Structure formats: structure tokens, C-alpha cells
Amino acid sequence: MTTAPPAGSSPAAPPRASTPLFAPSPTSSARPEAPPLPPVRRT
């Protein structure tokens, strides 16, 4: 069971790596938002 907490830390590391991936994700979301903005400007 003592190994469980450390093991949890290891899995936590992978999720943390996903967080960096999410960082780019928000950026990608901003890109999708950019297209909608141009249409709004046209209006």
C-alpha cells in the first residue's frame, strides 16, 4: 500500500504531461475562435 502513493505519483506524472498538451489545446481553441471573429467583423 505504501507503494500505492508513489505509484499514484507516477501516474500523476503522465497526466501532468497531458497538461502541457492541454496548453497547446487552449491555443488551438483560440484558433477556432479566430475564424468566428473574422465573420463577426464582416457583420
PDB file of N, CA and C in Angstrom:
ATOM      1  N   MET A   1       0.852  -1.198   0.000  1.00  0.00           N
ATOM      2  CA  MET A   1       0.000   0.000   0.000  1.00  0.00           C
ATOM      3  C   MET A   1       0.889   1.249   0.000  1.00  0.00           C
ATOM      4  N   THR A   2       2.045   1.110   0.658  1.00  0.00           N
ATOM      5  CA  THR A   2       2.954   2.265   0.676  1.00  0.00           C
ATOM      6  C   THR A   2       3.409   2.583  -0.742  1.00  0.00           C
ATOM      7  N   THR A   3       3.467   1.521  -1.564  1.00  0.00           N
ATOM      8  CA  THR A   3       3.878   1.747  -2.956  1.00  0.00           C
ATOM      9  C   THR A   3       2.754   2.425  -3.737  1.00  0.00           C
ATOM     10  N   ALA A   4       1.533   2.295  -3.233  1.00  0.00           N
ATOM     11  CA  ALA A   4       0.382   2.894  -3.927  1.00  0.00           C
ATOM     12  C   ALA A   4       0.575   4.400  -4.076  1.00  0.00           C
ATOM     13  N   PRO A   5       0.869   5.117  -2.993  1.00  0.00           N
ATOM     14  CA  PRO A   5       1.050   6.581  -3.096  1.00  0.00           C
ATOM     15  C   PRO A   5       2.119   6.924  -4.126  1.00  0.00           C
ATOM     16  N   PRO A   6       3.310   6.312  -4.030  1.00  0.00           N
ATOM     17  CA  PRO A   6       4.368   6.570  -5.028  1.00  0.00           C
ATOM     18  C   PRO A   6       3.862   6.215  -6.414  1.00  0.00           C
ATOM     19  N   ALA A   7       3.165   5.085  -6.518  1.00  0.00           N
ATOM     20  CA  ALA A   7       2.648   4.669  -7.827  1.00  0.00           C
ATOM     21  C   ALA A   7       1.710   5.750  -8.342  1.00  0.00           C
ATOM     22  N   GLY A   8       0.885   6.291  -7.446  1.00  0.00           N
ATOM     23  CA  GLY A   8      -0.037   7.355  -7.847  1.00  0.00           C
ATOM     24  C   GLY A   8       0.757   8.532  -8.400  1.00  0.00           C
ATOM     25  N   SER A   9       1.918   8.794  -7.806  1.00  0.00           N
ATOM     26  CA  SER A   9       2.730   9.917  -8.279  1.00  0.00           C
ATOM     27  C   SER A   9       3.164   9.653  -9.716  1.00  0.00           C
ATOM     28  N   SER A  10       3.542   8.409  -9.999  1.00  0.00           N
ATOM     29  CA  SER A  10       3.985   8.084 -11.362  1.00  0.00           C
ATOM     30  C   SER A  10       2.859   8.366 -12.358  1.00  0.00           C
ATOM     31  N   PRO A  11       1.672   7.842 -12.111  1.00  0.00           N
ATOM     32  CA  PRO A  11       0.520   8.113 -12.982  1.00  0.00           C
ATOM     33  C   PRO A  11       0.263   9.612 -13.052  1.00  0.00           C
ATOM     34  N   ALA A  12       0.471  10.293 -11.934  1.00  0.00           N
ATOM     35  CA  ALA A  12       0.245  11.745 -11.913  1.00  0.00           C
ATOM     36  C   ALA A  12       1.187  12.408 -12.917  1.00  0.00           C
ATOM     37  N   ALA A  13       2.388  11.878 -13.044  1.00  0.00           N
ATOM     38  CA  ALA A  13       3.359  12.460 -13.973  1.00  0.00           C
ATOM     39  C   ALA A  13       2.793  12.443 -15.393  1.00  0.00           C
ATOM     40  N   PRO A  14       2.279  11.319 -15.861  1.00  0.00           N
ATOM     41  CA  PRO A  14       1.687  11.250 -17.206  1.00  0.00           C
ATOM     42  C   PRO A  14       0.588  12.291 -17.373  1.00  0.00           C
ATOM     43  N   PRO A  15      -0.352  12.389 -16.438  1.00  0.00           N
ATOM     44  CA  PRO A  15      -1.406  13.412 -16.518  1.00  0.00           C
ATOM     45  C   PRO A  15      -0.779  14.795 -16.627  1.00  0.00           C
ATOM     46  N   ARG A  16       0.308  15.000 -15.896  1.00  0.00           N
ATOM     47  CA  ARG A  16       0.956  16.322 -15.962  1.00  0.00           C
ATOM     48  C   ARG A  16       1.452  16.555 -17.384  1.00  0.00           C
ATOM     49  N   ALA A  17       1.972  15.508 -17.993  1.00  0.00           N
ATOM     50  CA  ALA A  17       2.449  15.636 -19.375  1.00  0.00           C
ATOM     51  C   ALA A  17       1.268  16.011 -20.262  1.00  0.00           C
ATOM     52  N   SER A  18       0.098  15.479 -19.921  1.00  0.00           N
ATOM     53  CA  SER A  18      -1.102  15.803 -20.702  1.00  0.00           C
ATOM     54  C   SER A  18      -1.431  17.282 -20.528  1.00  0.00           C
ATOM     55  N   THR A  19      -1.135  17.813 -19.354  1.00  0.00           N
ATOM     56  CA  THR A  19      -1.430  19.234 -19.109  1.00  0.00           C
ATOM     57  C   THR A  19      -0.713  20.094 -20.137  1.00  0.00           C
ATOM     58  N   PRO A  20       0.577  19.842 -20.372  1.00  0.00           N
ATOM     59  CA  PRO A  20       1.310  20.583 -21.416  1.00  0.00           C
ATOM     60  C   PRO A  20       0.592  20.439 -22.746  1.00  0.00           C
ATOM     61  N   LEU A  21       0.071  19.248 -22.997  1.00  0.00           N
ATOM     62  CA  LEU A  21      -0.651  19.041 -24.257  1.00  0.00           C
ATOM     63  C   LEU A  21      -1.905  19.906 -24.251  1.00  0.00           C
ATOM     64  N   PHE A  22      -2.495  20.036 -23.065  1.00  0.00           N
ATOM     65  CA  PHE A  22      -3.712  20.854 -22.980  1.00  0.00           C
ATOM     66  C   PHE A  22      -3.365  22.316 -23.243  1.00  0.00           C
ATOM     67  N   ALA A  23      -2.174  22.713 -22.821  1.00  0.00           N
ATOM     68  CA  ALA A  23      -1.758  24.104 -23.041  1.00  0.00           C
ATOM     69  C   ALA A  23      -1.890  24.438 -24.528  1.00  0.00           C
ATOM     70  N   PRO A  24      -1.319  23.608 -25.393  1.00  0.00           N
ATOM     71  CA  PRO A  24      -1.472  23.809 -26.844  1.00  0.00           C
ATOM     72  C   PRO A  24      -2.945  23.713 -27.236  1.00  0.00           C
ATOM     73  N   SER A  25      -3.694  22.893 -26.521  1.00  0.00           N
ATOM     74  CA  SER A  25      -5.124  22.729 -26.843  1.00  0.00           C
ATOM     75  C   SER A  25      -5.832  24.074 -26.752  1.00  0.00           C
ATOM     76  N   PRO A  26      -5.681  24.787 -25.627  1.00  0.00           N
ATOM     77  CA  PRO A  26      -6.298  26.120 -25.497  1.00  0.00           C
ATOM     78  C   PRO A  26      -5.875  26.995 -26.665  1.00  0.00           C
ATOM     79  N   THR A  27      -4.618  26.883 -27.051  1.00  0.00           N
ATOM     80  CA  THR A  27      -4.140  27.682 -28.187  1.00  0.00           C
ATOM     81  C   THR A  27      -4.920  27.291 -29.436  1.00  0.00           C
ATOM     82  N   SER A  28      -5.137  25.988 -29.594  1.00  0.00           N
ATOM     83  CA  SER A  28      -5.902  25.523 -30.760  1.00  0.00           C
ATOM     84  C   SER A  28      -7.320  26.068 -30.676  1.00  0.00           C
ATOM     85  N   SER A  29      -7.857  26.120 -29.462  1.00  0.00           N
ATOM     86  CA  SER A  29      -9.219  26.645 -29.294  1.00  0.00           C
ATOM     87  C   SER A  29      -9.236  28.109 -29.715  1.00  0.00           C
ATOM     88  N   ALA A  30      -8.178  28.824 -29.390  1.00  0.00           N
ATOM     89  CA  ALA A  30      -8.105  30.237 -29.763  1.00  0.00           C
ATOM     90  C   ALA A  30      -8.142  30.338 -31.286  1.00  0.00           C
ATOM     91  N   ARG A  31      -7.503  29.410 -31.954  1.00  0.00           N
ATOM     92  CA  ARG A  31      -7.506  29.442 -33.430  1.00  0.00           C
ATOM     93  C   ARG A  31      -8.936  29.308 -33.952  1.00  0.00           C
ATOM     94  N   PRO A  32      -9.685  28.323 -33.450  1.00  0.00           N
ATOM     95  CA  PRO A  32     -11.088  28.164 -33.870  1.00  0.00           C
ATOM     96  C   PRO A  32     -11.856  29.449 -33.579  1.00  0.00           C
ATOM     97  N   GLU A  33     -11.542  30.094 -32.475  1.00  0.00           N
ATOM     98  CA  GLU A  33     -12.254  31.331 -32.142  1.00  0.00           C
ATOM     99  C   GLU A  33     -11.885  32.430 -33.139  1.00  0.00           C
ATOM    100  N   ALA A  34     -10.667  32.405 -33.624  1.00  0.00           N
ATOM    101  CA  ALA A  34     -10.221  33.427 -34.571  1.00  0.00           C
ATOM    102  C   ALA A  34     -11.130  33.435 -35.807  1.00  0.00           C
ATOM    103  N   PRO A  35     -11.405  32.285 -36.395  1.00  0.00           N
ATOM    104  CA  PRO A  35     -12.290  32.227 -37.576  1.00  0.00           C
ATOM    105  C   PRO A  35     -13.631  32.888 -37.294  1.00  0.00           C
ATOM    106  N   PRO A  36     -14.279  32.563 -36.180  1.00  0.00           N
ATOM    107  CA  PRO A  36     -15.571  33.177 -35.847  1.00  0.00           C
ATOM    108  C   PRO A  36     -15.425  34.691 -35.742  1.00  0.00           C
ATOM    109  N   LEU A  37     -14.296  35.170 -35.247  1.00  0.00           N
ATOM    110  CA  LEU A  37     -14.119  36.618 -35.090  1.00  0.00           C
ATOM    111  C   LEU A  37     -14.172  37.310 -36.454  1.00  0.00           C
ATOM    112  N   PRO A  38     -13.459  36.808 -37.449  1.00  0.00           N
ATOM    113  CA  PRO A  38     -13.497  37.424 -38.794  1.00  0.00           C
ATOM    114  C   PRO A  38     -14.927  37.560 -39.290  1.00  0.00           C
ATOM    115  N   PRO A  39     -15.739  36.505 -39.211  1.00  0.00           N
ATOM    116  CA  PRO A  39     -17.144  36.581 -39.645  1.00  0.00           C
ATOM    117  C   PRO A  39     -17.857  37.693 -38.881  1.00  0.00           C
ATOM    118  N   VAL A  40     -17.587  37.801 -37.585  1.00  0.00           N
ATOM    119  CA  VAL A  40     -18.256  38.848 -36.787  1.00  0.00           C
ATOM    120  C   VAL A  40     -17.836  40.214 -37.309  1.00  0.00           C
ATOM    121  N   ARG A  41     -16.564  40.339 -37.654  1.00  0.00           N
ATOM    122  CA  ARG A  41     -16.087  41.637 -38.161  1.00  0.00           C
ATOM    123  C   ARG A  41     -16.799  41.955 -39.474  1.00  0.00           C
ATOM    124  N   ARG A  42     -17.010  40.914 -40.283  1.00  0.00           N
ATOM    125  CA  ARG A  42     -17.689  41.140 -41.569  1.00  0.00           C
ATOM    126  C   ARG A  42     -19.095  41.665 -41.313  1.00  0.00           C
ATOM    127  N   THR A  43     -19.694  41.132 -40.249  1.00  0.00           N
ATOM    128  CA  THR A  43     -21.058  41.586 -39.943  1.00  0.00           C
ATOM    129  C   THR A  43     -21.003  43.059 -39.531  1.00  0.00           C
TER     130      THR A  43
END
